[in-house]
Amino acid sequence: MNIDSIYILSLIFAYLAGSISSAIIVCRLFSLPDPRTLGSGNAGATNVHRIGGRLLGFFTLLGDFLKTSLPMVLVYKLDYGREASLWVGVMTVIGHCFPIYFSFRGGKGVASMMTVVGLVITPFAILIAGTWLITAYTFSRSSVASILTSFIIPFFGYHFRPELFLPLSVLSAVVLIRHRSNIANLLQRKEPLFEQKGLKESDS
């Protein structure tokens, strides 16, 4: 087996790892309803937190972090380089958003996206996190923060690592696609504020 074959297998493994829905698994382990059928209907940490409380939301977030970071670290340790590791991260996010094990209905990928960026360009991740927090506070909508952050990631990333512009663009596109319902709600002025949070809110 040559290096190219190993890397191709790594990409497939990353997608399969990303397809492990921490939200659904945590809910099943703690006898909670499928998060896709309750609350916002999103299989993500925010909805699990809403349904089952802070601790279960944390477990979900931890699971998302591990399934995203482990394939990336493995490829990086095999000396494939930063860009190769980033493409592996992109595949985990695609798996998270469109999991093969769960009828391709997954989460919206924001936490996984932040994990990928943080592992590849740590100073950039700090800037992105700051952008998310400032935007969320300014507009009182987490979805606006997530959409704007996703949109600017390739352009901010280009400043730090120009060679990573393409994989960062694909990463952003995946997350933006999963936020298409939020974008539609914003255009129709139906997206709820933070203080309007409830079981029917769309997660970021």
C-alpha atoms as a PDB file:
ATOM      1  CA  MET A   1       0.000   0.000   0.000  1.00  0.00           C
ATOM      2  CA  ASN A   2       1.522   3.310  -1.068  1.00  0.00           C
ATOM      3  CA  ILE A   3       1.266   6.712   0.589  1.00  0.00           C
ATOM      4  CA  ASP A   4      -1.542   7.935  -1.670  1.00  0.00           C
ATOM      5  CA  SER A   5      -3.667   4.913  -0.810  1.00  0.00           C
ATOM      6  CA  ILE A   6      -3.095   5.462   2.886  1.00  0.00           C
ATOM      7  CA  TYR A   7      -4.176   9.074   2.593  1.00  0.00           C
ATOM      8  CA  ILE A   8      -7.298   8.172   0.607  1.00  0.00           C
ATOM      9  CA  LEU A   9      -8.200   5.673   3.304  1.00  0.00           C
ATOM     10  CA  SER A  10      -7.586   8.391   5.885  1.00  0.00           C
ATOM     11  CA  LEU A  11     -10.127  10.637   4.144  1.00  0.00           C
ATOM     12  CA  ILE A  12     -12.687   7.825   4.105  1.00  0.00           C
ATOM     13  CA  PHE A  13     -11.984   7.082   7.762  1.00  0.00           C
ATOM     14  CA  ALA A  14     -12.397  10.770   8.608  1.00  0.00           C
ATOM     15  CA  TYR A  15     -15.837  10.868   6.977  1.00  0.00           C
ATOM     16  CA  LEU A  16     -16.925   7.702   8.780  1.00  0.00           C
ATOM     17  CA  ALA A  17     -15.615   9.052  12.098  1.00  0.00           C
ATOM     18  CA  GLY A  18     -17.395  12.349  11.533  1.00  0.00           C
ATOM     19  CA  SER A  19     -20.611  10.443  10.803  1.00  0.00           C
ATOM     20  CA  ILE A  20     -20.693   9.186  14.396  1.00  0.00           C
ATOM     21  CA  SER A  21     -23.364  11.496  15.802  1.00  0.00           C
ATOM     22  CA  SER A  22     -22.415  12.307  19.381  1.00  0.00           C
ATOM     23  CA  ALA A  23     -25.777  13.999  19.887  1.00  0.00           C
ATOM     24  CA  ILE A  24     -27.822  10.950  18.913  1.00  0.00           C
ATOM     25  CA  ILE A  25     -25.586   8.534  20.816  1.00  0.00           C
ATOM     26  CA  VAL A  26     -25.653  10.622  24.018  1.00  0.00           C
ATOM     27  CA  CYS A  27     -29.434  10.889  23.838  1.00  0.00           C
ATOM     28  CA  ARG A  28     -29.763   7.141  23.372  1.00  0.00           C
ATOM     29  CA  LEU A  29     -27.398   6.380  26.249  1.00  0.00           C
ATOM     30  CA  PHE A  30     -29.417   8.587  28.588  1.00  0.00           C
ATOM     31  CA  SER A  31     -32.840   7.443  27.305  1.00  0.00           C
ATOM     32  CA  LEU A  32     -33.709  10.776  25.730  1.00  0.00           C
ATOM     33  CA  PRO A  33     -35.608  11.241  22.461  1.00  0.00           C
ATOM     34  CA  ASP A  34     -33.739  11.467  19.194  1.00  0.00           C
ATOM     35  CA  PRO A  35     -32.586  15.122  19.061  1.00  0.00           C
ATOM     36  CA  ARG A  36     -33.768  15.293  15.447  1.00  0.00           C
ATOM     37  CA  THR A  37     -37.344  14.846  16.645  1.00  0.00           C
ATOM     38  CA  LEU A  38     -37.365  17.342  19.515  1.00  0.00           C
ATOM     39  CA  GLY A  39     -36.352  20.904  20.174  1.00  0.00           C
ATOM     40  CA  SER A  40     -34.829  22.519  17.121  1.00  0.00           C
ATOM     41  CA  GLY A  41     -34.526  19.158  15.369  1.00  0.00           C
ATOM     42  CA  ASN A  42     -30.771  19.581  15.082  1.00  0.00           C
ATOM     43  CA  ALA A  43     -28.408  16.752  16.054  1.00  0.00           C
ATOM     44  CA  GLY A  44     -25.929  19.007  17.818  1.00  0.00           C
ATOM     45  CA  ALA A  45     -24.630  19.929  21.250  1.00  0.00           C
ATOM     46  CA  THR A  46     -26.904  22.972  21.569  1.00  0.00           C
ATOM     47  CA  ASN A  47     -30.054  20.938  21.074  1.00  0.00           C
ATOM     48  CA  VAL A  48     -28.882  18.178  23.425  1.00  0.00           C
ATOM     49  CA  HIS A  49     -28.181  20.855  26.026  1.00  0.00           C
ATOM     50  CA  ARG A  50     -31.690  22.152  25.477  1.00  0.00           C
ATOM     51  CA  ILE A  51     -33.230  18.695  25.775  1.00  0.00           C
ATOM     52  CA  GLY A  52     -31.087  17.059  28.442  1.00  0.00           C
ATOM     53  CA  GLY A  53     -29.188  19.768  30.248  1.00  0.00           C
ATOM     54  CA  ARG A  54     -25.710  21.228  30.416  1.00  0.00           C
ATOM     55  CA  LEU A  55     -23.807  18.030  31.244  1.00  0.00           C
ATOM     56  CA  LEU A  56     -25.206  16.074  28.303  1.00  0.00           C
ATOM     57  CA  GLY A  57     -24.555  19.039  26.058  1.00  0.00           C
ATOM     58  CA  PHE A  58     -20.936  18.975  27.229  1.00  0.00           C
ATOM     59  CA  PHE A  59     -20.649  15.233  26.557  1.00  0.00           C
ATOM     60  CA  THR A  60     -21.942  15.837  23.039  1.00  0.00           C
ATOM     61  CA  LEU A  61     -19.477  18.661  22.467  1.00  0.00           C
ATOM     62  CA  LEU A  62     -16.628  16.505  23.769  1.00  0.00           C
ATOM     63  CA  GLY A  63     -17.605  13.693  21.428  1.00  0.00           C
ATOM     64  CA  ASP A  64     -17.695  16.078  18.481  1.00  0.00           C
ATOM     65  CA  PHE A  65     -14.262  17.398  19.384  1.00  0.00           C
ATOM     66  CA  LEU A  66     -12.723  13.926  19.653  1.00  0.00           C
ATOM     67  CA  LYS A  67     -14.174  12.552  16.419  1.00  0.00           C
ATOM     68  CA  THR A  68     -12.969  15.659  14.557  1.00  0.00           C
ATOM     69  CA  SER A  69      -9.514  15.966  16.074  1.00  0.00           C
ATOM     70  CA  LEU A  70      -8.339  12.347  16.208  1.00  0.00           C
ATOM     71  CA  PRO A  71      -8.305  11.691  12.425  1.00  0.00           C
ATOM     72  CA  MET A  72      -6.576  15.042  11.875  1.00  0.00           C
ATOM     73  CA  VAL A  73      -3.893  14.379  14.481  1.00  0.00           C
ATOM     74  CA  LEU A  74      -3.327  10.879  13.094  1.00  0.00           C
ATOM     75  CA  VAL A  75      -2.703  12.163   9.559  1.00  0.00           C
ATOM     76  CA  TYR A  76      -0.497  14.974  10.811  1.00  0.00           C
ATOM     77  CA  LYS A  77       1.592  12.502  12.832  1.00  0.00           C
ATOM     78  CA  LEU A  78       2.045  10.460   9.660  1.00  0.00           C
ATOM     79  CA  ASP A  79       3.810  13.510   8.196  1.00  0.00           C
ATOM     80  CA  TYR A  80       1.281  14.312   5.519  1.00  0.00           C
ATOM     81  CA  GLY A  81       1.418  17.987   6.425  1.00  0.00           C
ATOM     82  CA  ARG A  82      -0.916  20.764   7.465  1.00  0.00           C
ATOM     83  CA  GLU A  83      -2.969  20.977   4.275  1.00  0.00           C
ATOM     84  CA  ALA A  84      -3.565  17.221   4.194  1.00  0.00           C
ATOM     85  CA  SER A  85      -4.663  17.336   7.823  1.00  0.00           C
ATOM     86  CA  LEU A  86      -7.066  20.167   6.999  1.00  0.00           C
ATOM     87  CA  TRP A  87      -8.694  18.154   4.188  1.00  0.00           C
ATOM     88  CA  VAL A  88      -9.157  15.305   6.661  1.00  0.00           C
ATOM     89  CA  GLY A  89     -10.837  17.784   9.003  1.00  0.00           C
ATOM     90  CA  VAL A  90     -13.119  18.879   6.186  1.00  0.00           C
ATOM     91  CA  MET A  91     -14.177  15.263   5.698  1.00  0.00           C
ATOM     92  CA  THR A  92     -15.031  14.887   9.394  1.00  0.00           C
ATOM     93  CA  VAL A  93     -17.230  17.988   9.192  1.00  0.00           C
ATOM     94  CA  ILE A  94     -18.975  16.615   6.096  1.00  0.00           C
ATOM     95  CA  GLY A  95     -19.562  13.410   8.039  1.00  0.00           C
ATOM     96  CA  HIS A  96     -20.904  15.369  11.006  1.00  0.00           C
ATOM     97  CA  CYS A  97     -23.314  17.352   8.846  1.00  0.00           C
ATOM     98  CA  PHE A  98     -24.316  14.453   6.576  1.00  0.00           C
ATOM     99  CA  PRO A  99     -23.738  11.231   8.572  1.00  0.00           C
ATOM    100  CA  ILE A 100     -24.042   8.005   6.607  1.00  0.00           C
ATOM    101  CA  TYR A 101     -25.143   6.126   9.747  1.00  0.00           C
ATOM    102  CA  PHE A 102     -28.107   8.414  10.441  1.00  0.00           C
ATOM    103  CA  SER A 103     -29.801   8.997   7.071  1.00  0.00           C
ATOM    104  CA  PHE A 104     -27.462  11.931   6.333  1.00  0.00           C
ATOM    105  CA  ARG A 105     -29.261  14.073   8.938  1.00  0.00           C
ATOM    106  CA  GLY A 106     -26.619  15.477  11.251  1.00  0.00           C
ATOM    107  CA  GLY A 107     -25.636  18.653  13.044  1.00  0.00           C
ATOM    108  CA  LYS A 108     -24.731  22.040  11.627  1.00  0.00           C
ATOM    109  CA  GLY A 109     -20.997  21.685  12.089  1.00  0.00           C
ATOM    110  CA  VAL A 110     -20.005  24.901  13.861  1.00  0.00           C
ATOM    111  CA  ALA A 111     -18.180  23.257  16.776  1.00  0.00           C
ATOM    112  CA  SER A 112     -16.490  20.802  14.419  1.00  0.00           C
ATOM    113  CA  MET A 113     -15.479  23.651  12.114  1.00  0.00           C
ATOM    114  CA  MET A 114     -13.942  25.540  15.037  1.00  0.00           C
ATOM    115  CA  THR A 115     -12.051  22.396  16.051  1.00  0.00           C
ATOM    116  CA  VAL A 116     -10.614  21.986  12.565  1.00  0.00           C
ATOM    117  CA  VAL A 117      -9.506  25.606  12.362  1.00  0.00           C
ATOM    118  CA  GLY A 118      -8.094  25.516  15.884  1.00  0.00           C
ATOM    119  CA  LEU A 119      -5.933  22.487  15.171  1.00  0.00           C
ATOM    120  CA  VAL A 120      -4.580  23.826  11.885  1.00  0.00           C
ATOM    121  CA  ILE A 121      -4.134  27.557  12.625  1.00  0.00           C
ATOM    122  CA  THR A 122      -4.410  28.206  16.345  1.00  0.00           C
ATOM    123  CA  PRO A 123      -3.958  32.037  16.311  1.00  0.00           C
ATOM    124  CA  PHE A 124      -6.543  32.236  13.538  1.00  0.00           C
ATOM    125  CA  ALA A 125      -8.967  30.170  15.644  1.00  0.00           C
ATOM    126  CA  ILE A 126      -8.712  32.716  18.459  1.00  0.00           C
ATOM    127  CA  LEU A 127      -9.598  35.495  16.007  1.00  0.00           C
ATOM    128  CA  ILE A 128     -12.509  33.480  14.619  1.00  0.00           C
ATOM    129  CA  ALA A 129     -13.848  32.704  18.100  1.00  0.00           C
ATOM    130  CA  GLY A 130     -13.667  36.395  18.942  1.00  0.00           C
ATOM    131  CA  THR A 131     -15.545  37.247  15.759  1.00  0.00           C
ATOM    132  CA  TRP A 132     -18.278  34.751  16.645  1.00  0.00           C
ATOM    133  CA  LEU A 133     -18.682  36.136  20.168  1.00  0.00           C
ATOM    134  CA  ILE A 134     -18.758  39.780  19.070  1.00  0.00           C
ATOM    135  CA  THR A 135     -21.249  39.085  16.267  1.00  0.00           C
ATOM    136  CA  ALA A 136     -23.487  36.982  18.504  1.00  0.00           C
ATOM    137  CA  TYR A 137     -23.527  39.726  21.134  1.00  0.00           C
ATOM    138  CA  THR A 138     -24.131  42.487  18.571  1.00  0.00           C
ATOM    139  CA  PHE A 139     -26.999  40.792  16.738  1.00  0.00           C
ATOM    140  CA  SER A 140     -28.314  38.656  19.627  1.00  0.00           C
ATOM    141  CA  ARG A 141     -28.502  35.671  17.265  1.00  0.00           C
ATOM    142  CA  SER A 142     -26.089  32.741  17.351  1.00  0.00           C
ATOM    143  CA  SER A 143     -27.052  31.822  13.794  1.00  0.00           C
ATOM    144  CA  VAL A 144     -25.902  35.201  12.487  1.00  0.00           C
ATOM    145  CA  ALA A 145     -22.566  34.706  14.258  1.00  0.00           C
ATOM    146  CA  SER A 146     -22.168  31.216  12.808  1.00  0.00           C
ATOM    147  CA  ILE A 147     -23.077  32.270   9.265  1.00  0.00           C
ATOM    148  CA  LEU A 148     -20.814  35.326   9.279  1.00  0.00           C
ATOM    149  CA  THR A 149     -17.938  33.402  10.845  1.00  0.00           C
ATOM    150  CA  SER A 150     -18.267  30.621   8.274  1.00  0.00           C
ATOM    151  CA  PHE A 151     -18.301  33.149   5.461  1.00  0.00           C
ATOM    152  CA  ILE A 152     -15.151  34.984   6.517  1.00  0.00           C
ATOM    153  CA  ILE A 153     -13.057  31.944   7.459  1.00  0.00           C
ATOM    154  CA  PRO A 154     -11.495  31.446   3.990  1.00  0.00           C
ATOM    155  CA  PHE A 155     -10.603  35.135   3.672  1.00  0.00           C
ATOM    156  CA  PHE A 156      -9.167  35.476   7.170  1.00  0.00           C
ATOM    157  CA  GLY A 157      -7.379  32.147   6.708  1.00  0.00           C
ATOM    158  CA  TYR A 158      -5.791  33.353   3.487  1.00  0.00           C
ATOM    159  CA  HIS A 159      -3.973  36.014   5.498  1.00  0.00           C
ATOM    160  CA  PHE A 160      -2.341  33.375   7.707  1.00  0.00           C
ATOM    161  CA  ARG A 161      -1.970  30.461   5.281  1.00  0.00           C
ATOM    162  CA  PRO A 162      -2.724  31.309   1.617  1.00  0.00           C
ATOM    163  CA  GLU A 163      -2.184  27.691   0.569  1.00  0.00           C
ATOM    164  CA  LEU A 164      -5.140  26.650   2.757  1.00  0.00           C
ATOM    165  CA  PHE A 165      -7.692  28.888   1.032  1.00  0.00           C
ATOM    166  CA  LEU A 166      -9.333  26.068  -0.972  1.00  0.00           C
ATOM    167  CA  PRO A 167      -9.926  23.572   1.869  1.00  0.00           C
ATOM    168  CA  LEU A 168     -11.065  26.416   4.153  1.00  0.00           C
ATOM    169  CA  SER A 169     -13.523  27.511   1.440  1.00  0.00           C
ATOM    170  CA  VAL A 170     -14.937  23.983   1.201  1.00  0.00           C
ATOM    171  CA  LEU A 171     -15.168  23.807   4.998  1.00  0.00           C
ATOM    172  CA  SER A 172     -17.129  27.061   5.096  1.00  0.00           C
ATOM    173  CA  ALA A 173     -19.389  25.998   2.234  1.00  0.00           C
ATOM    174  CA  VAL A 174     -20.411  22.805   4.046  1.00  0.00           C
ATOM    175  CA  VAL A 175     -21.381  24.687   7.204  1.00  0.00           C
ATOM    176  CA  LEU A 176     -23.200  27.405   5.235  1.00  0.00           C
ATOM    177  CA  ILE A 177     -25.217  24.764   3.380  1.00  0.00           C
ATOM    178  CA  ARG A 178     -26.350  23.347   6.720  1.00  0.00           C
ATOM    179  CA  HIS A 179     -27.429  26.851   7.738  1.00  0.00           C
ATOM    180  CA  ARG A 180     -29.619  27.438   4.704  1.00  0.00           C
ATOM    181  CA  SER A 181     -32.802  27.311   6.813  1.00  0.00           C
ATOM    182  CA  ASN A 182     -31.338  29.926   9.172  1.00  0.00           C
ATOM    183  CA  ILE A 183     -30.436  32.117   6.198  1.00  0.00           C
ATOM    184  CA  ALA A 184     -34.003  31.811   4.890  1.00  0.00           C
ATOM    185  CA  ASN A 185     -35.385  32.727   8.329  1.00  0.00           C
ATOM    186  CA  LEU A 186     -33.112  35.760   8.525  1.00  0.00           C
ATOM    187  CA  LEU A 187     -34.236  36.967   5.106  1.00  0.00           C
ATOM    188  CA  GLN A 188     -37.849  36.582   6.255  1.00  0.00           C
ATOM    189  CA  ARG A 189     -37.045  38.157   9.635  1.00  0.00           C
ATOM    190  CA  LYS A 190     -38.172  35.029  11.473  1.00  0.00           C
ATOM    191  CA  GLU A 191     -34.902  34.018  13.117  1.00  0.00           C
ATOM    192  CA  PRO A 192     -35.338  34.239  16.937  1.00  0.00           C
ATOM    193  CA  LEU A 193     -33.162  36.273  19.271  1.00  0.00           C
ATOM    194  CA  PHE A 194     -31.184  34.781  22.140  1.00  0.00           C
ATOM    195  CA  GLU A 195     -33.812  35.900  24.608  1.00  0.00           C
ATOM    196  CA  GLN A 196     -36.458  34.155  22.516  1.00  0.00           C
ATOM    197  CA  LYS A 197     -34.764  30.815  22.863  1.00  0.00           C
ATOM    198  CA  GLY A 198     -37.100  27.876  23.130  1.00  0.00           C
ATOM    199  CA  LEU A 199     -37.688  24.390  21.866  1.00  0.00           C
ATOM    200  CA  LYS A 200     -38.494  25.588  18.362  1.00  0.00           C
ATOM    201  CA  GLU A 201     -35.406  27.704  17.808  1.00  0.00           C
ATOM    202  CA  SER A 202     -33.059  26.757  14.973  1.00  0.00           C
ATOM    203  CA  ASP A 203     -29.588  26.019  16.317  1.00  0.00           C
ATOM    204  CA  SER A 204     -26.532  27.694  14.933  1.00  0.00           C
END
